[in-house]
PDB file of N, CA and C in Angstrom:
ATOM      1  N   MET A   1      -8.003  26.872 -11.307  1.00  0.00           N
ATOM      2  CA  MET A   1      -8.160  26.541  -9.974  1.00  0.00           C
ATOM      3  C   MET A   1      -8.953  25.297  -9.822  1.00  0.00           C
ATOM      4  N   THR A   2      -9.094  23.829  -9.675  1.00  0.00           N
ATOM      5  CA  THR A   2      -9.427  22.695  -8.778  1.00  0.00           C
ATOM      6  C   THR A   2     -10.282  22.549  -7.587  1.00  0.00           C
ATOM      7  N   GLN A   3     -12.243  22.323  -7.118  1.00  0.00           N
ATOM      8  CA  GLN A   3     -11.730  22.623  -6.164  1.00  0.00           C
ATOM      9  C   GLN A   3     -12.165  21.071  -5.551  1.00  0.00           C
ATOM     10  N   GLN A   4     -11.228  20.881  -4.772  1.00  0.00           N
ATOM     11  CA  GLN A   4     -11.910  19.642  -3.807  1.00  0.00           C
ATOM     12  C   GLN A   4     -12.784  18.976  -3.100  1.00  0.00           C
ATOM     13  N   SER A   5     -13.102  17.990  -3.185  1.00  0.00           N
ATOM     14  CA  SER A   5     -14.481  17.747  -1.993  1.00  0.00           C
ATOM     15  C   SER A   5     -14.550  17.335  -1.476  1.00  0.00           C
ATOM     16  N   PRO A   6     -15.157  17.328  -0.377  1.00  0.00           N
ATOM     17  CA  PRO A   6     -15.037  17.687   1.620  1.00  0.00           C
ATOM     18  C   PRO A   6     -14.773  16.521   2.075  1.00  0.00           C
ATOM     19  N   GLY A   7     -13.391  16.001   2.479  1.00  0.00           N
ATOM     20  CA  GLY A   7     -12.637  14.890   3.265  1.00  0.00           C
ATOM     21  C   GLY A   7     -11.955  13.899   2.169  1.00  0.00           C
ATOM     22  N   ALA A   8     -11.941  14.599   0.707  1.00  0.00           N
ATOM     23  CA  ALA A   8     -10.394  14.224   0.270  1.00  0.00           C
ATOM     24  C   ALA A   8      -9.368  13.816   0.306  1.00  0.00           C
ATOM     25  N   PRO A   9      -8.640  12.938   0.049  1.00  0.00           N
ATOM     26  CA  PRO A   9      -6.704  12.902   0.880  1.00  0.00           C
ATOM     27  C   PRO A   9      -6.091  14.654  -0.516  1.00  0.00           C
ATOM     28  N   PRO A  10      -4.928  15.110   0.459  1.00  0.00           N
ATOM     29  CA  PRO A  10      -5.250  16.204  -0.607  1.00  0.00           C
ATOM     30  C   PRO A  10      -4.133  15.749  -2.324  1.00  0.00           C
ATOM     31  N   ALA A  11      -4.331  16.983  -2.486  1.00  0.00           N
ATOM     32  CA  ALA A  11      -4.023  16.581  -4.729  1.00  0.00           C
ATOM     33  C   ALA A  11      -3.233  15.966  -4.030  1.00  0.00           C
ATOM     34  N   ALA A  12      -1.743  16.261  -3.519  1.00  0.00           N
ATOM     35  CA  ALA A  12      -0.614  15.995  -4.331  1.00  0.00           C
ATOM     36  C   ALA A  12      -0.217  13.818  -3.811  1.00  0.00           C
ATOM     37  N   PHE A  13      -1.125  14.105  -3.293  1.00  0.00           N
ATOM     38  CA  PHE A  13      -0.645  11.804  -2.852  1.00  0.00           C
ATOM     39  C   PHE A  13      -1.921  11.360  -3.980  1.00  0.00           C
ATOM     40  N   ASP A  14      -1.415  10.423  -4.521  1.00  0.00           N
ATOM     41  CA  ASP A  14      -2.376   9.776  -5.833  1.00  0.00           C
ATOM     42  C   ASP A  14      -2.254   8.142  -5.182  1.00  0.00           C
ATOM     43  N   ALA A  15      -3.539   7.987  -4.722  1.00  0.00           N
ATOM     44  CA  ALA A  15      -4.113   6.229  -4.248  1.00  0.00           C
ATOM     45  C   ALA A  15      -3.383   5.326  -5.366  1.00  0.00           C
ATOM     46  N   SER A  16      -3.493   6.129  -6.008  1.00  0.00           N
ATOM     47  CA  SER A  16      -3.049   4.991  -7.671  1.00  0.00           C
ATOM     48  C   SER A  16      -1.823   4.194  -7.743  1.00  0.00           C
ATOM     49  N   LEU A  17      -0.681   4.741  -6.668  1.00  0.00           N
ATOM     50  CA  LEU A  17       0.267   4.334  -6.742  1.00  0.00           C
ATOM     51  C   LEU A  17       0.363   3.821  -5.951  1.00  0.00           C
ATOM     52  N   ARG A  18       1.668   3.808  -5.845  1.00  0.00           N
ATOM     53  CA  ARG A  18       1.783   1.972  -4.665  1.00  0.00           C
ATOM     54  C   ARG A  18       2.154   3.014  -4.232  1.00  0.00           C
ATOM     55  N   TYR A  19       3.000   3.002  -3.621  1.00  0.00           N
ATOM     56  CA  TYR A  19       3.358   2.987  -1.710  1.00  0.00           C
ATOM     57  C   TYR A  19       4.382   1.920  -0.971  1.00  0.00           C
ATOM     58  N   ALA A  20       5.352   3.184   0.227  1.00  0.00           N
ATOM     59  CA  ALA A  20       6.147   1.894   0.920  1.00  0.00           C
ATOM     60  C   ALA A  20       6.913   2.954   2.311  1.00  0.00           C
ATOM     61  N   LEU A  21       6.419   2.282   3.195  1.00  0.00           N
ATOM     62  CA  LEU A  21       7.244   2.898   4.167  1.00  0.00           C
ATOM     63  C   LEU A  21       8.600   3.488   4.717  1.00  0.00           C
ATOM     64  N   ASP A  22       8.956   4.193   4.086  1.00  0.00           N
ATOM     65  CA  ASP A  22      10.593   5.434   3.465  1.00  0.00           C
ATOM     66  C   ASP A  22      11.907   4.654   4.320  1.00  0.00           C
ATOM     67  N   SER A  23      12.539   4.062   3.958  1.00  0.00           N
ATOM     68  CA  SER A  23      13.581   4.242   4.722  1.00  0.00           C
ATOM     69  C   SER A  23      14.162   4.421   5.874  1.00  0.00           C
ATOM     70  N   GLU A  24      13.643   5.708   5.974  1.00  0.00           N
ATOM     71  CA  GLU A  24      15.146   6.222   6.815  1.00  0.00           C
ATOM     72  C   GLU A  24      13.279   6.473   7.941  1.00  0.00           C
ATOM     73  N   VAL A  25      12.694   5.558   7.594  1.00  0.00           N
ATOM     74  CA  VAL A  25      11.520   5.332   8.817  1.00  0.00           C
ATOM     75  C   VAL A  25      11.600   4.085   9.783  1.00  0.00           C
ATOM     76  N   ALA A  26      11.527   4.386  10.612  1.00  0.00           N
ATOM     77  CA  ALA A  26      11.544   3.364  11.511  1.00  0.00           C
ATOM     78  C   ALA A  26       9.807   3.376  12.697  1.00  0.00           C
ATOM     79  N   LEU A  27       9.128   2.221  12.551  1.00  0.00           N
ATOM     80  CA  LEU A  27       7.939   1.546  12.529  1.00  0.00           C
ATOM     81  C   LEU A  27       8.399   0.464  14.576  1.00  0.00           C
ATOM     82  N   ARG A  28       7.448   1.742  15.768  1.00  0.00           N
ATOM     83  CA  ARG A  28       7.793   1.554  17.118  1.00  0.00           C
ATOM     84  C   ARG A  28       6.100   0.673  17.752  1.00  0.00           C
ATOM     85  N   GLU A  29       6.017   0.252  17.645  1.00  0.00           N
ATOM     86  CA  GLU A  29       4.585  -0.107  17.632  1.00  0.00           C
ATOM     87  C   GLU A  29       4.156  -1.371  19.214  1.00  0.00           C
ATOM     88  N   GLU A  30       3.010   0.168  18.686  1.00  0.00           N
ATOM     89  CA  GLU A  30       2.189   0.795  20.896  1.00  0.00           C
ATOM     90  C   GLU A  30       1.308   0.225  20.474  1.00  0.00           C
ATOM     91  N   PRO A  31       0.241   0.047  22.003  1.00  0.00           N
ATOM     92  CA  PRO A  31      -0.682  -0.198  22.434  1.00  0.00           C
ATOM     93  C   PRO A  31      -2.163   0.547  21.538  1.00  0.00           C
ATOM     94  N   PHE A  32      -1.750   1.930  21.069  1.00  0.00           N
ATOM     95  CA  PHE A  32      -2.722   2.741  20.286  1.00  0.00           C
ATOM     96  C   PHE A  32      -1.773   2.410  18.596  1.00  0.00           C
ATOM     97  N   GLY A  33      -1.383   2.145  18.604  1.00  0.00           N
ATOM     98  CA  GLY A  33      -1.066   1.334  16.756  1.00  0.00           C
ATOM     99  C   GLY A  33       0.627   1.367  16.905  1.00  0.00           C
ATOM    100  N   ALA A  34       0.999   2.622  16.964  1.00  0.00           N
ATOM    101  CA  ALA A  34       3.276   2.962  16.989  1.00  0.00           C
ATOM    102  C   ALA A  34       2.603   4.352  16.573  1.00  0.00           C
ATOM    103  N   LEU A  35       5.003   4.569  16.690  1.00  0.00           N
ATOM    104  CA  LEU A  35       5.680   5.613  16.819  1.00  0.00           C
ATOM    105  C   LEU A  35       5.848   5.788  15.191  1.00  0.00           C
ATOM    106  N   ALA A  36       5.203   6.306  14.842  1.00  0.00           N
ATOM    107  CA  ALA A  36       6.708   6.328  13.659  1.00  0.00           C
ATOM    108  C   ALA A  36       8.070   7.530  13.299  1.00  0.00           C
ATOM    109  N   TYR A  37       9.293   6.709  13.689  1.00  0.00           N
ATOM    110  CA  TYR A  37      10.452   7.997  13.451  1.00  0.00           C
ATOM    111  C   TYR A  37      11.458   8.266  12.079  1.00  0.00           C
ATOM    112  N   ASN A  38      11.334   9.398  11.400  1.00  0.00           N
ATOM    113  CA  ASN A  38      11.805   9.554   9.967  1.00  0.00           C
ATOM    114  C   ASN A  38      13.028  10.061  10.555  1.00  0.00           C
ATOM    115  N   TYR A  39      14.732   9.000  10.805  1.00  0.00           N
ATOM    116  CA  TYR A  39      16.253   9.372  10.923  1.00  0.00           C
ATOM    117  C   TYR A  39      16.576  10.262  10.068  1.00  0.00           C
ATOM    118  N   SER A  40      15.917  10.516   8.562  1.00  0.00           N
ATOM    119  CA  SER A  40      16.038  11.386   7.757  1.00  0.00           C
ATOM    120  C   SER A  40      16.133  13.515   8.055  1.00  0.00           C
ATOM    121  N   ASN A  41      14.732  13.561   8.591  1.00  0.00           N
ATOM    122  CA  ASN A  41      14.145  14.695   8.388  1.00  0.00           C
ATOM    123  C   ASN A  41      13.672  14.693  10.070  1.00  0.00           C
ATOM    124  N   ARG A  42      13.836  14.092  10.813  1.00  0.00           N
ATOM    125  CA  ARG A  42      13.288  14.067  13.028  1.00  0.00           C
ATOM    126  C   ARG A  42      12.806  14.383  12.543  1.00  0.00           C
ATOM    127  N   ARG A  43      11.686  13.969  12.510  1.00  0.00           N
ATOM    128  CA  ARG A  43      10.057  13.964  12.945  1.00  0.00           C
ATOM    129  C   ARG A  43       9.333  13.060  13.325  1.00  0.00           C
ATOM    130  N   LEU A  44       8.628  13.049  14.151  1.00  0.00           N
ATOM    131  CA  LEU A  44       8.339  11.766  14.871  1.00  0.00           C
ATOM    132  C   LEU A  44       6.183  11.955  14.906  1.00  0.00           C
ATOM    133  N   THR A  45       5.842  10.783  14.519  1.00  0.00           N
ATOM    134  CA  THR A  45       4.136  10.338  14.078  1.00  0.00           C
ATOM    135  C   THR A  45       3.984   9.305  15.146  1.00  0.00           C
ATOM    136  N   PHE A  46       2.742   9.827  15.557  1.00  0.00           N
ATOM    137  CA  PHE A  46       1.580   8.880  15.963  1.00  0.00           C
ATOM    138  C   PHE A  46       0.711   8.244  15.002  1.00  0.00           C
ATOM    139  N   LEU A  47       1.371   7.149  14.860  1.00  0.00           N
ATOM    140  CA  LEU A  47       0.115   6.444  14.269  1.00  0.00           C
ATOM    141  C   LEU A  47      -0.875   5.764  15.193  1.00  0.00           C
ATOM    142  N   ARG A  48      -2.190   6.885  14.961  1.00  0.00           N
ATOM    143  CA  ARG A  48      -3.259   6.536  16.088  1.00  0.00           C
ATOM    144  C   ARG A  48      -3.921   5.031  15.836  1.00  0.00           C
ATOM    145  N   SER A  49      -4.222   4.560  14.977  1.00  0.00           N
ATOM    146  CA  SER A  49      -4.562   3.400  15.166  1.00  0.00           C
ATOM    147  C   SER A  49      -3.647   1.616  15.124  1.00  0.00           C
ATOM    148  N   VAL A  50      -3.582   0.211  15.160  1.00  0.00           N
ATOM    149  CA  VAL A  50      -3.328  -0.255  14.786  1.00  0.00           C
ATOM    150  C   VAL A  50      -3.188  -0.492  13.287  1.00  0.00           C
ATOM    151  N   ALA A  51      -4.810  -0.818  12.608  1.00  0.00           N
ATOM    152  CA  ALA A  51      -5.624  -0.867  11.531  1.00  0.00           C
ATOM    153  C   ALA A  51      -3.897   0.190  10.700  1.00  0.00           C
ATOM    154  N   LEU A  52      -4.349   1.389  10.648  1.00  0.00           N
ATOM    155  CA  LEU A  52      -3.577   1.796  10.674  1.00  0.00           C
ATOM    156  C   LEU A  52      -1.595   1.810  10.984  1.00  0.00           C
ATOM    157  N   ARG A  53      -1.256   1.394  11.599  1.00  0.00           N
ATOM    158  CA  ARG A  53       0.056   0.527  11.879  1.00  0.00           C
ATOM    159  C   ARG A  53      -0.078   0.004  10.713  1.00  0.00           C
ATOM    160  N   GLU A  54      -0.881  -1.169  10.608  1.00  0.00           N
ATOM    161  CA  GLU A  54      -0.885  -2.766   9.948  1.00  0.00           C
ATOM    162  C   GLU A  54      -0.733  -1.787   8.283  1.00  0.00           C
ATOM    163  N   LEU A  55      -1.821  -1.184   8.317  1.00  0.00           N
ATOM    164  CA  LEU A  55      -1.741  -0.610   7.307  1.00  0.00           C
ATOM    165  C   LEU A  55      -0.519  -0.029   6.413  1.00  0.00           C
ATOM    166  N   VAL A  56       0.524   0.322   7.023  1.00  0.00           N
ATOM    167  CA  VAL A  56       1.445   1.074   6.332  1.00  0.00           C
ATOM    168  C   VAL A  56       2.857   0.141   5.907  1.00  0.00           C
ATOM    169  N   ARG A  57       2.568  -0.441   6.980  1.00  0.00           N
ATOM    170  CA  ARG A  57       3.191  -1.972   6.934  1.00  0.00           C
ATOM    171  C   ARG A  57       3.202  -2.680   5.977  1.00  0.00           C
ATOM    172  N   SER A  58       2.320  -2.679   5.463  1.00  0.00           N
ATOM    173  CA  SER A  58       1.362  -3.180   3.787  1.00  0.00           C
ATOM    174  C   SER A  58       1.083  -3.348   3.089  1.00  0.00           C
ATOM    175  N   LEU A  59       1.317  -1.619   2.733  1.00  0.00           N
ATOM    176  CA  LEU A  59       1.380  -0.842   1.280  1.00  0.00           C
ATOM    177  C   LEU A  59       2.265  -1.309   0.144  1.00  0.00           C
ATOM    178  N   ALA A  60       3.251  -2.010   0.431  1.00  0.00           N
ATOM    179  CA  ALA A  60       4.443  -2.119  -0.654  1.00  0.00           C
ATOM    180  C   ALA A  60       3.841  -3.940  -1.070  1.00  0.00           C
ATOM    181  N   ASP A  61       3.289  -4.186  -0.748  1.00  0.00           N
ATOM    182  CA  ASP A  61       2.751  -5.605  -1.059  1.00  0.00           C
ATOM    183  C   ASP A  61       1.152  -5.913  -2.230  1.00  0.00           C
ATOM    184  N   PHE A  62       0.950  -3.997  -2.116  1.00  0.00           N
ATOM    185  CA  PHE A  62      -0.132  -4.088  -2.793  1.00  0.00           C
ATOM    186  C   PHE A  62      -0.440  -2.837  -4.087  1.00  0.00           C
ATOM    187  N   ASP A  63      -0.937  -3.449  -5.214  1.00  0.00           N
ATOM    188  CA  ASP A  63      -0.083  -2.527  -6.200  1.00  0.00           C
ATOM    189  C   ASP A  63      -0.533  -0.995  -6.843  1.00  0.00           C
ATOM    190  N   SER A  64      -1.330  -0.520  -5.478  1.00  0.00           N
ATOM    191  CA  SER A  64      -1.559   0.754  -5.582  1.00  0.00           C
ATOM    192  C   SER A  64      -1.935   1.350  -3.743  1.00  0.00           C
ATOM    193  N   ALA A  65      -2.277   2.431  -3.213  1.00  0.00           N
ATOM    194  CA  ALA A  65      -2.507   2.559  -1.834  1.00  0.00           C
ATOM    195  C   ALA A  65      -4.180   2.317  -1.430  1.00  0.00           C
ATOM    196  N   GLY A  66      -4.292   3.052  -2.800  1.00  0.00           N
ATOM    197  CA  GLY A  66      -6.284   2.364  -2.613  1.00  0.00           C
ATOM    198  C   GLY A  66      -6.922   1.762  -3.300  1.00  0.00           C
ATOM    199  N   ASP A  67      -5.839   0.128  -3.170  1.00  0.00           N
ATOM    200  CA  ASP A  67      -5.450  -1.300  -3.720  1.00  0.00           C
ATOM    201  C   ASP A  67      -5.704  -2.043  -1.691  1.00  0.00           C
ATOM    202  N   ALA A  68      -4.284  -0.797  -1.397  1.00  0.00           N
ATOM    203  CA  ALA A  68      -4.235  -1.973  -0.039  1.00  0.00           C
ATOM    204  C   ALA A  68      -5.419  -1.089   0.858  1.00  0.00           C
ATOM    205  N   VAL A  69      -6.079   0.433   1.172  1.00  0.00           N
ATOM    206  CA  VAL A  69      -7.197   0.845   2.052  1.00  0.00           C
ATOM    207  C   VAL A  69      -8.388   0.094   1.483  1.00  0.00           C
ATOM    208  N   ALA A  70      -8.541  -0.891   0.578  1.00  0.00           N
ATOM    209  CA  ALA A  70      -9.680  -1.411   0.034  1.00  0.00           C
ATOM    210  C   ALA A  70      -9.369  -2.744   0.325  1.00  0.00           C
ATOM    211  N   ARG A  71      -9.046  -3.483   0.805  1.00  0.00           N
ATOM    212  CA  ARG A  71      -8.938  -5.313   0.579  1.00  0.00           C
ATOM    213  C   ARG A  71      -8.543  -4.337   2.450  1.00  0.00           C
ATOM    214  N   SER A  72      -7.826  -3.254   3.494  1.00  0.00           N
ATOM    215  CA  SER A  72      -7.408  -3.418   4.298  1.00  0.00           C
ATOM    216  C   SER A  72      -8.628  -2.750   5.581  1.00  0.00           C
ATOM    217  N   ILE A  73      -9.363  -1.695   5.017  1.00  0.00           N
ATOM    218  CA  ILE A  73      -9.927  -1.481   6.220  1.00  0.00           C
ATOM    219  C   ILE A  73     -10.906  -1.191   5.644  1.00  0.00           C
ATOM    220  N   PRO A  74     -12.575  -0.723   5.974  1.00  0.00           N
ATOM    221  CA  PRO A  74     -13.397  -1.311   6.307  1.00  0.00           C
ATOM    222  C   PRO A  74     -14.127   0.047   5.311  1.00  0.00           C
ATOM    223  N   GLU A  75     -15.291  -0.153   4.297  1.00  0.00           N
ATOM    224  CA  GLU A  75     -15.670   1.286   3.383  1.00  0.00           C
ATOM    225  C   GLU A  75     -16.023   2.254   4.144  1.00  0.00           C
ATOM    226  N   ALA A  76     -16.755   2.272   5.104  1.00  0.00           N
ATOM    227  CA  ALA A  76     -16.886   3.398   5.139  1.00  0.00           C
ATOM    228  C   ALA A  76     -15.201   4.002   6.703  1.00  0.00           C
ATOM    229  N   SER A  77     -14.839   3.356   7.032  1.00  0.00           N
ATOM    230  CA  SER A  77     -13.719   4.359   7.267  1.00  0.00           C
ATOM    231  C   SER A  77     -12.465   4.175   6.213  1.00  0.00           C
ATOM    232  N   ARG A  78     -12.907   3.870   5.189  1.00  0.00           N
ATOM    233  CA  ARG A  78     -12.155   4.291   4.457  1.00  0.00           C
ATOM    234  C   ARG A  78     -11.240   6.524   3.298  1.00  0.00           C
ATOM    235  N   PRO A  79     -12.337   6.970   3.562  1.00  0.00           N
ATOM    236  CA  PRO A  79     -11.700   8.437   3.426  1.00  0.00           C
ATOM    237  C   PRO A  79     -10.891   8.937   4.565  1.00  0.00           C
ATOM    238  N   SER A  80     -10.995   8.386   5.494  1.00  0.00           N
ATOM    239  CA  SER A  80     -10.085   9.448   7.126  1.00  0.00           C
ATOM    240  C   SER A  80      -8.413   8.319   6.627  1.00  0.00           C
ATOM    241  N   TYR A  81      -8.527   6.534   5.994  1.00  0.00           N
ATOM    242  CA  TYR A  81      -7.123   5.746   6.010  1.00  0.00           C
ATOM    243  C   TYR A  81      -6.481   7.156   4.602  1.00  0.00           C
ATOM    244  N   LEU A  82      -7.447   7.557   4.305  1.00  0.00           N
ATOM    245  CA  LEU A  82      -6.486   8.054   3.057  1.00  0.00           C
ATOM    246  C   LEU A  82      -6.227   9.130   2.663  1.00  0.00           C
ATOM    247  N   ARG A  83      -7.302   9.895   3.983  1.00  0.00           N
ATOM    248  CA  ARG A  83      -6.171  10.453   4.449  1.00  0.00           C
ATOM    249  C   ARG A  83      -4.964  11.445   5.054  1.00  0.00           C
ATOM    250  N   ALA A  84      -5.511  10.349   5.659  1.00  0.00           N
ATOM    251  CA  ALA A  84      -4.053   9.640   6.695  1.00  0.00           C
ATOM    252  C   ALA A  84      -2.893   9.181   5.874  1.00  0.00           C
ATOM    253  N   LEU A  85      -3.196   8.786   5.339  1.00  0.00           N
ATOM    254  CA  LEU A  85      -1.819   8.811   4.267  1.00  0.00           C
ATOM    255  C   LEU A  85      -1.494   9.613   3.578  1.00  0.00           C
ATOM    256  N   ALA A  86      -2.284  10.051   3.001  1.00  0.00           N
ATOM    257  CA  ALA A  86      -2.092  11.525   2.638  1.00  0.00           C
ATOM    258  C   ALA A  86      -1.345  12.753   2.914  1.00  0.00           C
ATOM    259  N   GLY A  87      -1.812  12.417   4.556  1.00  0.00           N
ATOM    260  CA  GLY A  87      -0.434  13.058   5.517  1.00  0.00           C
ATOM    261  C   GLY A  87       1.288  12.443   5.645  1.00  0.00           C
ATOM    262  N   LEU A  88       1.451  11.400   5.858  1.00  0.00           N
ATOM    263  CA  LEU A  88       2.616  10.440   5.866  1.00  0.00           C
ATOM    264  C   LEU A  88       3.429  10.829   4.545  1.00  0.00           C
ATOM    265  N   ALA A  89       1.941  11.180   3.430  1.00  0.00           N
ATOM    266  CA  ALA A  89       3.935  10.851   2.533  1.00  0.00           C
ATOM    267  C   ALA A  89       3.958  12.231   2.620  1.00  0.00           C
ATOM    268  N   GLU A  90       2.783  13.441   3.236  1.00  0.00           N
ATOM    269  CA  GLU A  90       3.613  14.729   2.218  1.00  0.00           C
ATOM    270  C   GLU A  90       4.773  15.060   3.850  1.00  0.00           C
ATOM    271  N   SER A  91       4.171  14.085   4.837  1.00  0.00           N
ATOM    272  CA  SER A  91       5.321  14.393   5.979  1.00  0.00           C
ATOM    273  C   SER A  91       6.627  13.481   5.369  1.00  0.00           C
ATOM    274  N   GLY A  92       6.527  12.632   5.006  1.00  0.00           N
ATOM    275  CA  GLY A  92       8.049  12.026   4.641  1.00  0.00           C
ATOM    276  C   GLY A  92       7.615  10.170   5.225  1.00  0.00           C
ATOM    277  N   MET A  93       7.233   9.908   5.918  1.00  0.00           N
ATOM    278  CA  MET A  93       7.330   8.511   5.956  1.00  0.00           C
ATOM    279  C   MET A  93       6.997   8.091   5.107  1.00  0.00           C
ATOM    280  N   ILE A  94       5.956   8.168   4.225  1.00  0.00           N
ATOM    281  CA  ILE A  94       5.408   6.990   3.145  1.00  0.00           C
ATOM    282  C   ILE A  94       6.040   7.292   1.977  1.00  0.00           C
ATOM    283  N   HIS A  95       6.409   6.874   0.850  1.00  0.00           N
ATOM    284  CA  HIS A  95       6.525   7.919  -0.463  1.00  0.00           C
ATOM    285  C   HIS A  95       5.586   6.536  -1.642  1.00  0.00           C
ATOM    286  N   ALA A  96       6.089   7.042  -2.951  1.00  0.00           N
ATOM    287  CA  ALA A  96       4.797   6.051  -3.745  1.00  0.00           C
ATOM    288  C   ALA A  96       6.531   5.532  -4.347  1.00  0.00           C
ATOM    289  N   CYS A  97       6.685   4.409  -5.269  1.00  0.00           N
ATOM    290  CA  CYS A  97       7.042   3.526  -5.621  1.00  0.00           C
ATOM    291  C   CYS A  97       6.787   2.892  -6.396  1.00  0.00           C
TER     292      CYS A  97
END
């Protein structure tokens, strides 16, 4: 069993893949970021920053999730945004494509 380094995203999330917002997910813009609602599993998720909302919206425009984060997020904040994307992938809000 491999041990994951602290602060790393869960192993199931592969930042080298291209991701996109799931077609069953609607984003509602809010001052704090957005509400994401998945119509297929009825899950509601809060995107707690405008930067995360914009990152999620633009994922499909990049060759990989890692590239999207590298181009959109300051270096010091990248690990937390990768963890957020991993959580969104786990909950079905985004998917590899």
